[in-house]
Amino acid sequence: MSTEIEEGQNATMTEPSGVHRTAPPHVPGPDEGGLSKGAWVGIVVVALILLFVVVKGIHSRNVAEENLTKETKEAAIPSVNIVYPKVSTLSSDLALPGSTQAYTDTPIYSRTNGYLKQWFFDIGAHVRKGQLMAIIETPEIDQQLQVAQADLKSAEANLALANTTSARYQNLLKTNSVSKQETDQAVSDAAAKQAAVDASMANVRRLEKLQSFEKVYAPFDGIVTARNTDIGALIAAGENTTPKELFHLAAIGQLRVYVAVPEAYAPAIKDGAKATLTLDEYPGQKFTGTVARNSSAIDPSSRTLNVEVDVDNPNSKLLPGAYVFVHFKLPVGSSTLMLPADTLLFRSEGLRVGVVRDGRAHLVPVTISKDAGATVEISSGLTPEDAVILDPSDSLTEGQQVIVANHPAPAGSTSAQNAGGE
C-alpha cells in the first residue's frame, strides 16, 4: 500500500518552478512477465518430439507398403514340388503304340465324264483284280466317237480317190500325156489324204479309249472300304473341277504298322527282326510281324526312328486303322530313367516336362519308351540331376519364375540339393 502511494507521488511530482514532469514508463524485468528461457527450451523439445513422431510414422508406412508389395510379388510366384528321375534298367520288352495300315490303299476315280449307270460292289465287298466295279454312261463321248468314225470313213474314201488319181497320173506321165507338175500334185494330194486318215484314226482310238473308261475295274485284289457314289450321280473326271472319289479299295492280306522308336532303342532295331503285335480287342492273342525297313534317320523334332513292321493277315482278322502295341525284344543291360506319370505335360508341340533351373521353369521335350501306369520310362531328354516339377500346372510357361517348396535328394545323392537356386 505504501509502495503504491509512493509510486503515485513520484508520478505526480511537481518541479519547484511549478512545472509538472511525467515519469518514464516502467519496463518489467525478466521475472516480472513474458516467456522465460526454460519455456522456450521446452517448446523446442516438444516440437522435435512431434517432428520425430511424424517422420517415424511416414517411414513406418513406407516400410509397410514395401513389405506388402514384396509379399504380393512373392504370392504371385507359384510354389512347386520337384522330383528327381530314378535310374532303372531298360526292360527287355519294348512296347510301343502304332496303328495298322493296308499294304495298298487307294481311291478309285473315273477317267471320263458322265453319269453312273450301275455299281456292283458295296462297302466290305472283296474284289479281285480286273473285276468290273461300275459302269458310267458317257453320251457325249459316244456321239463324239460316232462323228470321229464318220470322219475316218470320209478320210479313207478321199484317200482311195487320191491314190487312184496319183496312180493314173503316174501312168500318163510315162507317155507324157500329163506334165510332171500335175503328177507331183496328185502324188502330194494322196500323201495329204493319207495323213488325214491317220489323224482321224488317232482321234477314233482316243475316243474309243475314253469310251472304255465307262467301265471301272478293280486295280488289285482288296476290299471296298468306301463307296461315295450312286446310280444317276454326275461323274466328273477332274478336267475343270476336283474329281470325286467313287470307291476306296484296300489290300488287307498284309498290313503295315509304322512305329516311332525312341532314339535310345534305335541301334537295337534291325531289319528282318521279329516283332509281336497285341490288341486290346484280342486279349491273350499275339500276331507276329517282321521289321521290313526303317528310315535310317532320327527325326529331330521327336527324337525317334520311324520303323515299318509288316504283318501277314490272311484271315483279315486285323483291320486297317486298328490301334496296336508292337513289342520288340531288346538286349538287357542298358539303363533308363523313371518318372511319375503326373510330371508329364501334353502340349500341342509334343510331350514335355517342367525342369527347374536357377529358379525358373524350363519345358523339356522327353520320349516315353514304356508306360507303366503310375510311372513312365523316359528314354531321352533328361538326366538324373534334372529337378522335374511334380504335378505341373497347365499354365506353366517357358522361363517362368517358380519357388521350390521341397528339396529332395537326386538319385544316387545322400543330401538334398536346392534346385531353385535359393
Protein backbone atom coordinates (compact mmCIF):
# COMPACT_ATOMS: atom_id res chain seq x y z
CA MET A 1 0.00 0.00 0.00
CA SER A 2 2.75 2.38 0.88
CA THR A 3 4.59 1.41 -2.22
CA GLU A 4 1.66 2.30 -4.46
CA ILE A 5 1.34 5.69 -2.70
CA GLU A 6 4.99 6.32 -3.24
CA GLU A 7 4.73 5.42 -6.91
CA GLY A 8 1.78 7.80 -7.27
CA GLN A 9 3.64 10.52 -5.58
CA ASN A 10 6.62 10.01 -7.78
CA ALA A 11 4.40 10.11 -10.87
CA THR A 12 2.90 13.46 -9.89
CA MET A 13 5.97 15.20 -8.57
CA THR A 14 5.99 18.95 -9.24
CA GLU A 15 9.13 20.85 -10.05
CA PRO A 16 9.94 23.72 -7.77
CA SER A 17 9.38 26.15 -10.56
CA GLY A 18 5.80 24.92 -10.86
CA VAL A 19 6.40 22.68 -13.94
CA HIS A 20 5.00 19.13 -13.72
CA ARG A 21 7.20 16.22 -15.10
CA THR A 22 5.85 12.76 -16.06
CA ALA A 23 7.95 9.76 -15.00
CA PRO A 24 9.23 7.30 -17.78
CA PRO A 25 7.26 4.00 -18.24
CA HIS A 26 8.32 1.04 -16.17
CA VAL A 27 9.93 -1.92 -18.07
CA PRO A 28 9.30 -5.20 -16.31
CA GLY A 29 12.29 -7.37 -15.56
CA PRO A 30 12.76 -10.99 -16.57
CA ASP A 31 10.96 -12.25 -13.53
CA GLU A 32 8.01 -9.88 -13.88
CA GLY A 33 6.35 -11.06 -17.33
CA GLY A 34 6.83 -12.93 -20.91
CA LEU A 35 8.43 -16.42 -21.64
CA SER A 36 11.47 -17.47 -19.81
CA LYS A 37 14.45 -19.26 -21.42
CA GLY A 38 13.36 -22.56 -19.96
CA ALA A 39 9.93 -22.21 -21.56
CA TRP A 40 11.49 -21.72 -24.97
CA VAL A 41 13.63 -24.80 -24.50
CA GLY A 42 10.52 -26.81 -23.65
CA ILE A 43 8.73 -25.63 -26.75
CA VAL A 44 11.67 -26.65 -28.94
CA VAL A 45 11.83 -30.08 -27.31
CA VAL A 46 8.10 -30.67 -27.86
CA ALA A 47 8.41 -29.58 -31.50
CA LEU A 48 11.31 -32.01 -32.05
CA ILE A 49 9.33 -34.83 -30.46
CA LEU A 50 6.35 -34.11 -32.71
CA LEU A 51 8.61 -33.99 -35.79
CA PHE A 52 10.20 -37.33 -34.82
CA VAL A 53 6.77 -38.90 -34.39
CA VAL A 54 5.63 -37.65 -37.81
CA VAL A 55 8.82 -38.82 -39.56
CA LYS A 56 8.66 -42.21 -37.85
CA GLY A 57 5.02 -42.62 -38.91
CA ILE A 58 5.80 -41.83 -42.54
CA HIS A 59 8.76 -44.24 -42.50
CA SER A 60 6.67 -47.00 -40.94
CA ARG A 61 4.00 -46.54 -43.59
CA ASN A 62 6.60 -46.72 -46.40
CA VAL A 63 8.10 -49.88 -44.88
CA ALA A 64 4.64 -51.43 -44.62
CA GLU A 65 3.91 -50.60 -48.26
CA GLU A 66 7.24 -52.12 -49.34
CA ASN A 67 6.57 -55.26 -47.33
CA LEU A 68 3.08 -55.54 -48.83
CA THR A 69 4.48 -55.15 -52.35
CA LYS A 70 7.12 -57.78 -51.66
CA GLU A 71 4.57 -60.19 -50.21
CA THR A 72 2.28 -59.62 -53.20
CA LYS A 73 5.09 -60.37 -55.64
CA GLU A 74 6.08 -63.48 -53.69
CA ALA A 75 2.47 -64.64 -53.64
CA ALA A 76 2.33 -64.26 -57.45
CA ILE A 77 5.29 -66.66 -57.92
CA PRO A 78 3.95 -70.23 -57.95
CA SER A 79 5.31 -72.75 -55.49
CA VAL A 80 6.18 -76.17 -56.92
CA ASN A 81 7.30 -79.55 -55.69
CA ILE A 82 10.07 -81.32 -57.53
CA VAL A 83 11.19 -84.90 -58.02
CA TYR A 84 14.38 -86.33 -59.48
CA PRO A 85 14.33 -89.10 -62.12
CA LYS A 86 15.21 -92.55 -60.84
CA VAL A 87 17.73 -94.65 -62.74
CA SER A 88 16.32 -98.01 -63.84
CA THR A 89 17.35 -100.89 -66.09
CA LEU A 90 15.73 -100.97 -69.52
CA SER A 91 13.06 -103.59 -69.96
CA SER A 92 13.88 -106.40 -72.39
CA ASP A 93 10.40 -105.96 -73.88
CA LEU A 94 9.88 -102.64 -75.63
CA ALA A 95 6.18 -101.98 -76.23
CA LEU A 96 5.29 -99.05 -78.46
CA PRO A 97 1.93 -97.91 -79.84
CA GLY A 98 1.11 -97.93 -83.52
CA SER A 99 -1.77 -98.25 -85.97
CA THR A 100 -2.28 -100.72 -88.77
CA GLN A 101 -2.48 -99.62 -92.39
CA ALA A 102 -3.49 -101.51 -95.50
CA TYR A 103 -0.47 -102.58 -97.52
CA THR A 104 -2.05 -100.98 -100.59
CA ASP A 105 -4.71 -98.35 -100.11
CA THR A 106 -6.04 -96.21 -102.95
CA PRO A 107 -9.07 -94.19 -104.05
CA ILE A 108 -10.79 -95.17 -107.30
CA TYR A 109 -11.65 -92.30 -109.67
CA SER A 110 -13.29 -92.07 -113.07
CA ARG A 111 -11.23 -91.21 -116.15
CA THR A 112 -14.22 -89.90 -118.10
CA ASN A 113 -17.24 -87.64 -117.62
CA GLY A 114 -20.78 -88.94 -117.49
CA TYR A 115 -23.45 -90.41 -115.22
CA LEU A 116 -23.17 -93.51 -113.07
CA LYS A 117 -25.25 -96.22 -114.71
CA GLN A 118 -24.60 -99.08 -112.30
CA TRP A 119 -22.30 -100.17 -109.46
CA PHE A 120 -21.60 -103.78 -108.47
CA PHE A 121 -19.77 -103.73 -105.11
CA ASP A 122 -20.61 -102.05 -101.82
CA ILE A 123 -18.50 -101.47 -98.70
CA GLY A 124 -16.99 -104.61 -97.21
CA ALA A 125 -17.06 -106.49 -100.52
CA HIS A 126 -13.97 -108.44 -101.55
CA VAL A 127 -12.97 -107.88 -105.17
CA ARG A 128 -10.39 -109.46 -107.43
CA LYS A 129 -8.08 -107.61 -109.77
CA GLY A 130 -9.85 -106.81 -113.06
CA GLN A 131 -13.41 -107.22 -111.75
CA LEU A 132 -15.96 -104.71 -113.05
CA MET A 133 -16.95 -102.34 -110.25
CA ALA A 134 -19.14 -99.75 -112.03
CA ILE A 135 -20.43 -98.60 -115.42
CA ILE A 136 -20.64 -94.92 -116.43
CA GLU A 137 -22.84 -93.57 -119.22
CA THR A 138 -20.95 -91.14 -121.48
CA PRO A 139 -23.41 -89.85 -124.13
CA GLU A 140 -21.15 -87.01 -125.22
CA ILE A 141 -18.19 -89.29 -125.81
CA ASP A 142 -20.40 -91.80 -127.62
CA GLN A 143 -21.56 -89.08 -130.01
CA GLN A 144 -18.04 -87.76 -130.49
CA LEU A 145 -16.88 -91.28 -131.32
CA GLN A 146 -19.62 -91.67 -133.92
CA VAL A 147 -18.60 -88.38 -135.55
CA ALA A 148 -14.96 -89.41 -135.48
CA GLN A 149 -15.74 -92.76 -137.08
CA ALA A 150 -17.69 -90.99 -139.84
CA ASP A 151 -14.81 -88.59 -140.39
CA LEU A 152 -12.48 -91.57 -140.64
CA LYS A 153 -14.63 -93.20 -143.33
CA SER A 154 -14.71 -89.92 -145.27
CA ALA A 155 -10.96 -89.57 -144.99
CA GLU A 156 -10.46 -93.16 -146.15
CA ALA A 157 -12.71 -92.52 -149.19
CA ASN A 158 -10.76 -89.38 -150.06
CA LEU A 159 -7.55 -91.34 -149.67
CA ALA A 160 -8.76 -94.07 -152.05
CA LEU A 161 -9.64 -91.46 -154.68
CA ALA A 162 -6.33 -89.66 -154.20
CA ASN A 163 -4.41 -92.93 -154.58
CA THR A 164 -6.29 -93.77 -157.78
CA THR A 165 -5.65 -90.31 -159.19
CA SER A 166 -1.99 -90.47 -158.24
CA ALA A 167 -1.57 -93.86 -159.94
CA ARG A 168 -3.37 -92.67 -163.08
CA TYR A 169 -1.17 -89.54 -163.34
CA GLN A 170 1.95 -91.58 -162.91
CA ASN A 171 0.92 -93.89 -165.79
CA LEU A 172 0.04 -90.92 -168.02
CA LEU A 173 3.38 -89.33 -167.22
CA LYS A 174 5.13 -92.28 -168.85
CA THR A 175 3.56 -91.33 -172.18
CA ASN A 176 3.98 -87.61 -171.49
CA SER A 177 0.20 -87.22 -171.52
CA VAL A 178 0.40 -85.08 -168.38
CA SER A 179 3.04 -82.78 -167.05
CA LYS A 180 5.44 -83.64 -164.26
CA GLN A 181 3.93 -80.84 -162.15
CA GLU A 182 0.42 -82.29 -162.35
CA THR A 183 1.73 -85.73 -161.43
CA ASP A 184 3.59 -84.35 -158.41
CA GLN A 185 0.44 -82.58 -157.23
CA ALA A 186 -1.54 -85.82 -157.50
CA VAL A 187 1.08 -87.75 -155.53
CA SER A 188 1.25 -84.99 -152.88
CA ASP A 189 -2.53 -84.93 -152.58
CA ALA A 190 -2.55 -88.69 -151.96
CA ALA A 191 0.05 -88.27 -149.20
CA ALA A 192 -2.04 -85.50 -147.58
CA LYS A 193 -5.11 -87.70 -147.70
CA GLN A 194 -3.11 -90.46 -146.02
CA ALA A 195 -2.15 -88.07 -143.22
CA ALA A 196 -5.81 -87.09 -142.80
CA VAL A 197 -6.72 -90.76 -142.45
CA ASP A 198 -4.01 -91.24 -139.82
CA ALA A 199 -5.27 -88.23 -137.84
CA SER A 200 -8.86 -89.45 -138.00
CA MET A 201 -7.76 -92.91 -136.92
CA ALA A 202 -5.89 -91.46 -133.92
CA ASN A 203 -8.94 -89.45 -132.90
CA VAL A 204 -11.13 -92.55 -133.12
CA ARG A 205 -8.71 -94.52 -130.98
CA ARG A 206 -8.58 -91.70 -128.40
CA LEU A 207 -12.36 -91.61 -128.13
CA GLU A 208 -12.56 -95.39 -128.02
CA LYS A 209 -10.12 -95.30 -125.09
CA LEU A 210 -12.24 -92.70 -123.33
CA GLN A 211 -15.30 -94.80 -124.02
CA SER A 212 -13.54 -97.80 -122.47
CA PHE A 213 -13.28 -95.77 -119.25
CA GLU A 214 -17.04 -96.12 -118.96
CA LYS A 215 -16.23 -99.33 -117.15
CA VAL A 216 -14.39 -99.08 -113.83
CA TYR A 217 -12.26 -102.12 -112.93
CA ALA A 218 -10.53 -103.11 -109.69
CA PRO A 219 -6.77 -102.41 -109.98
CA PHE A 220 -5.80 -105.09 -107.40
CA ASP A 221 -7.25 -107.66 -105.02
CA GLY A 222 -8.76 -105.96 -101.99
CA ILE A 223 -11.78 -104.93 -100.01
CA VAL A 224 -14.06 -101.96 -100.70
CA THR A 225 -13.79 -99.68 -97.66
CA ALA A 226 -15.90 -96.83 -99.07
CA ARG A 227 -18.46 -96.18 -101.82
CA ASN A 228 -19.04 -92.48 -102.47
CA THR A 229 -21.39 -92.53 -105.46
CA ASP A 230 -24.75 -93.92 -106.54
CA ILE A 231 -26.81 -94.55 -109.65
CA GLY A 232 -27.50 -91.37 -111.61
CA ALA A 233 -24.73 -89.37 -109.95
CA LEU A 234 -22.82 -86.93 -112.15
CA ILE A 235 -19.25 -88.09 -112.65
CA ALA A 236 -16.53 -85.50 -113.35
CA ALA A 237 -13.10 -86.64 -114.43
CA GLY A 238 -11.49 -83.51 -112.99
CA GLU A 239 -10.59 -81.52 -116.11
CA ASN A 240 -12.08 -78.30 -114.73
CA THR A 241 -13.26 -79.50 -111.31
CA THR A 242 -11.89 -81.57 -108.46
CA PRO A 243 -12.56 -85.25 -109.20
CA LYS A 244 -14.84 -87.16 -106.85
CA GLU A 245 -13.75 -90.48 -105.42
CA LEU A 246 -16.04 -93.35 -106.50
CA PHE A 247 -14.68 -96.15 -104.32
CA HIS A 248 -11.89 -96.71 -101.85
CA LEU A 249 -10.05 -100.00 -102.15
CA ALA A 250 -7.63 -101.52 -99.62
CA ALA A 251 -5.50 -104.64 -99.82
CA ILE A 252 -5.55 -106.13 -96.32
CA GLY A 253 -3.94 -109.52 -96.92
CA GLN A 254 -0.84 -107.90 -95.44
CA LEU A 255 -0.73 -104.85 -93.20
CA ARG A 256 1.88 -102.24 -92.41
CA VAL A 257 2.45 -100.82 -88.92
CA TYR A 258 4.56 -97.68 -88.53
CA VAL A 259 6.19 -97.29 -85.11
CA ALA A 260 8.17 -94.35 -83.69
CA VAL A 261 11.07 -95.98 -81.84
CA PRO A 262 12.86 -93.74 -79.29
CA GLU A 263 16.41 -92.79 -80.10
CA ALA A 264 17.81 -94.78 -77.16
CA TYR A 265 16.47 -98.01 -78.69
CA ALA A 266 17.21 -97.26 -82.35
CA PRO A 267 20.50 -99.23 -82.52
CA ALA A 268 18.71 -102.37 -81.29
CA ILE A 269 16.09 -102.35 -84.09
CA LYS A 270 17.30 -104.33 -87.10
CA ASP A 271 15.61 -105.01 -90.43
CA GLY A 272 14.34 -108.58 -90.55
CA ALA A 273 13.88 -108.81 -86.78
CA LYS A 274 10.67 -110.28 -85.44
CA ALA A 275 8.07 -108.21 -83.58
CA THR A 276 4.85 -109.14 -81.80
CA LEU A 277 1.56 -107.26 -82.04
CA THR A 278 -1.12 -107.22 -79.34
CA LEU A 279 -4.58 -105.62 -79.41
CA ASP A 280 -6.97 -104.84 -76.59
CA GLU A 281 -9.85 -106.40 -78.55
CA TYR A 282 -7.96 -109.71 -78.74
CA PRO A 283 -6.67 -110.27 -75.19
CA GLY A 284 -4.13 -113.04 -74.93
CA GLN A 285 -3.57 -113.26 -78.69
CA LYS A 286 -0.35 -112.28 -80.42
CA PHE A 287 0.33 -111.58 -84.07
CA THR A 288 3.83 -111.97 -85.47
CA GLY A 289 5.33 -109.34 -87.72
CA THR A 290 8.68 -108.56 -89.30
CA VAL A 291 10.67 -105.32 -89.33
CA ALA A 292 10.59 -104.57 -93.06
CA ARG A 293 12.51 -101.31 -93.13
CA ASN A 294 13.33 -98.16 -91.16
CA SER A 295 14.02 -94.55 -92.03
CA SER A 296 17.74 -94.82 -91.07
CA ALA A 297 17.47 -91.32 -89.60
CA ILE A 298 16.35 -89.83 -86.30
CA ASP A 299 13.52 -87.31 -86.50
CA PRO A 300 14.96 -84.19 -84.77
CA SER A 301 11.54 -82.99 -83.61
CA SER A 302 10.55 -86.21 -81.79
CA ARG A 303 13.97 -87.88 -81.42
CA THR A 304 12.55 -91.13 -82.79
CA LEU A 305 13.28 -93.63 -85.59
CA ASN A 306 10.43 -94.44 -87.98
CA VAL A 307 10.14 -98.23 -88.31
CA GLU A 308 7.80 -100.23 -90.57
CA VAL A 309 6.60 -103.64 -89.39
CA ASP A 310 4.78 -105.88 -91.91
CA VAL A 311 2.19 -108.36 -90.62
CA ASP A 312 0.53 -111.14 -92.61
CA ASN A 313 -3.26 -111.03 -92.33
CA PRO A 314 -4.59 -113.97 -94.37
CA ASN A 315 -7.88 -114.24 -92.47
CA SER A 316 -8.49 -110.47 -92.43
CA LYS A 317 -8.68 -110.62 -88.64
CA LEU A 318 -6.71 -107.42 -88.28
CA LEU A 319 -8.43 -104.34 -89.65
CA PRO A 320 -6.72 -101.29 -91.15
CA GLY A 321 -6.59 -98.37 -88.73
CA ALA A 322 -6.59 -100.56 -85.60
CA TYR A 323 -4.64 -99.36 -82.54
CA VAL A 324 -1.97 -101.90 -81.61
CA PHE A 325 1.07 -102.32 -79.39
CA VAL A 326 4.24 -103.52 -81.08
CA HIS A 327 6.63 -105.48 -78.85
CA PHE A 328 10.34 -105.62 -79.65
CA LYS A 329 12.84 -107.86 -77.86
CA LEU A 330 15.86 -105.88 -76.67
CA PRO A 331 19.16 -106.83 -75.05
CA VAL A 332 19.17 -106.34 -71.27
CA GLY A 333 21.74 -104.12 -69.57
CA SER A 334 21.04 -100.57 -70.71
CA SER A 335 19.63 -98.03 -68.26
CA THR A 336 16.82 -95.52 -68.43
CA LEU A 337 15.04 -93.03 -66.18
CA MET A 338 11.71 -93.44 -64.39
CA LEU A 339 9.33 -90.58 -63.56
CA PRO A 340 5.86 -90.33 -62.01
CA ALA A 341 3.19 -90.07 -64.67
CA ASP A 342 1.87 -86.82 -63.14
CA THR A 343 5.02 -84.95 -64.20
CA LEU A 344 4.03 -85.01 -67.87
CA LEU A 345 2.73 -82.02 -69.80
CA PHE A 346 0.80 -82.73 -73.00
CA ARG A 347 1.33 -79.75 -75.30
CA SER A 348 0.48 -79.22 -78.96
CA GLU A 349 4.18 -79.28 -79.85
CA GLY A 350 4.65 -82.65 -78.09
CA LEU A 351 5.27 -84.26 -74.72
CA ARG A 352 7.08 -82.02 -72.19
CA VAL A 353 8.16 -81.97 -68.54
CA GLY A 354 8.94 -78.92 -66.43
CA VAL A 355 12.54 -78.74 -65.18
CA VAL A 356 13.64 -76.16 -62.57
CA ARG A 357 16.96 -74.47 -63.24
CA ASP A 358 18.14 -71.35 -61.40
CA GLY A 359 14.68 -70.70 -60.01
CA ARG A 360 12.93 -70.82 -63.38
CA ALA A 361 10.88 -73.48 -65.14
CA HIS A 362 12.01 -74.86 -68.49
CA LEU A 363 9.82 -77.07 -70.70
CA VAL A 364 11.96 -80.01 -71.83
CA PRO A 365 10.82 -82.47 -74.55
CA VAL A 366 11.02 -86.13 -73.49
CA THR A 367 10.43 -89.52 -75.10
CA ILE A 368 8.47 -92.25 -73.32
CA SER A 369 9.66 -95.78 -74.00
CA LYS A 370 7.20 -97.55 -71.71
CA ASP A 371 4.07 -96.56 -69.81
CA ALA A 372 3.65 -98.47 -66.55
CA GLY A 373 0.59 -96.54 -65.38
CA ALA A 374 1.71 -94.60 -62.30
CA THR A 375 5.23 -94.29 -63.69
CA VAL A 376 6.71 -93.86 -67.15
CA GLU A 377 10.03 -94.90 -68.60
CA ILE A 378 11.91 -91.95 -70.14
CA SER A 379 14.44 -92.91 -72.79
CA SER A 380 15.67 -89.46 -73.80
CA GLY A 381 15.51 -85.80 -72.81
CA LEU A 382 16.51 -85.90 -69.10
CA THR A 383 19.42 -86.63 -66.77
CA PRO A 384 19.26 -87.94 -63.17
CA GLU A 385 20.22 -84.45 -61.92
CA ASP A 386 17.24 -82.67 -63.52
CA ALA A 387 14.73 -81.30 -60.99
CA VAL A 388 11.37 -82.19 -62.55
CA ILE A 389 8.21 -80.38 -61.44
CA LEU A 390 5.64 -82.70 -59.90
CA ASP A 391 2.02 -82.18 -60.99
CA PRO A 392 2.77 -79.02 -63.05
CA SER A 393 0.07 -76.50 -63.87
CA ASP A 394 -1.28 -76.42 -67.42
CA SER A 395 -0.47 -72.69 -67.46
CA LEU A 396 3.25 -73.29 -66.83
CA THR A 397 5.35 -71.42 -69.40
CA GLU A 398 8.97 -71.49 -70.50
CA GLY A 399 11.21 -69.36 -68.26
CA GLN A 400 8.50 -68.75 -65.64
CA GLN A 401 9.86 -67.99 -62.15
CA VAL A 402 8.97 -70.61 -59.54
CA ILE A 403 9.65 -71.32 -55.88
CA VAL A 404 10.69 -74.85 -54.90
CA ALA A 405 8.73 -75.96 -51.84
CA ASN A 406 10.57 -79.23 -51.20
CA HIS A 407 14.20 -80.23 -51.61
CA PRO A 408 14.55 -83.96 -52.24
CA ALA A 409 17.91 -85.54 -52.95
CA PRO A 410 18.74 -86.52 -56.55
CA ALA A 411 19.02 -90.20 -57.37
CA GLY A 412 22.30 -91.54 -56.01
CA SER A 413 22.82 -88.50 -53.76
CA THR A 414 22.99 -88.57 -49.95
CA SER A 415 21.96 -84.96 -49.34
CA ALA A 416 19.18 -82.73 -50.57
CA GLN A 417 20.05 -80.16 -53.20
CA ASN A 418 18.47 -76.82 -53.84
CA ALA A 419 17.00 -76.90 -57.36
CA GLY A 420 15.53 -73.47 -57.12
CA GLY A 421 18.84 -71.67 -56.80
CA GLU A 422 18.00 -70.43 -53.31
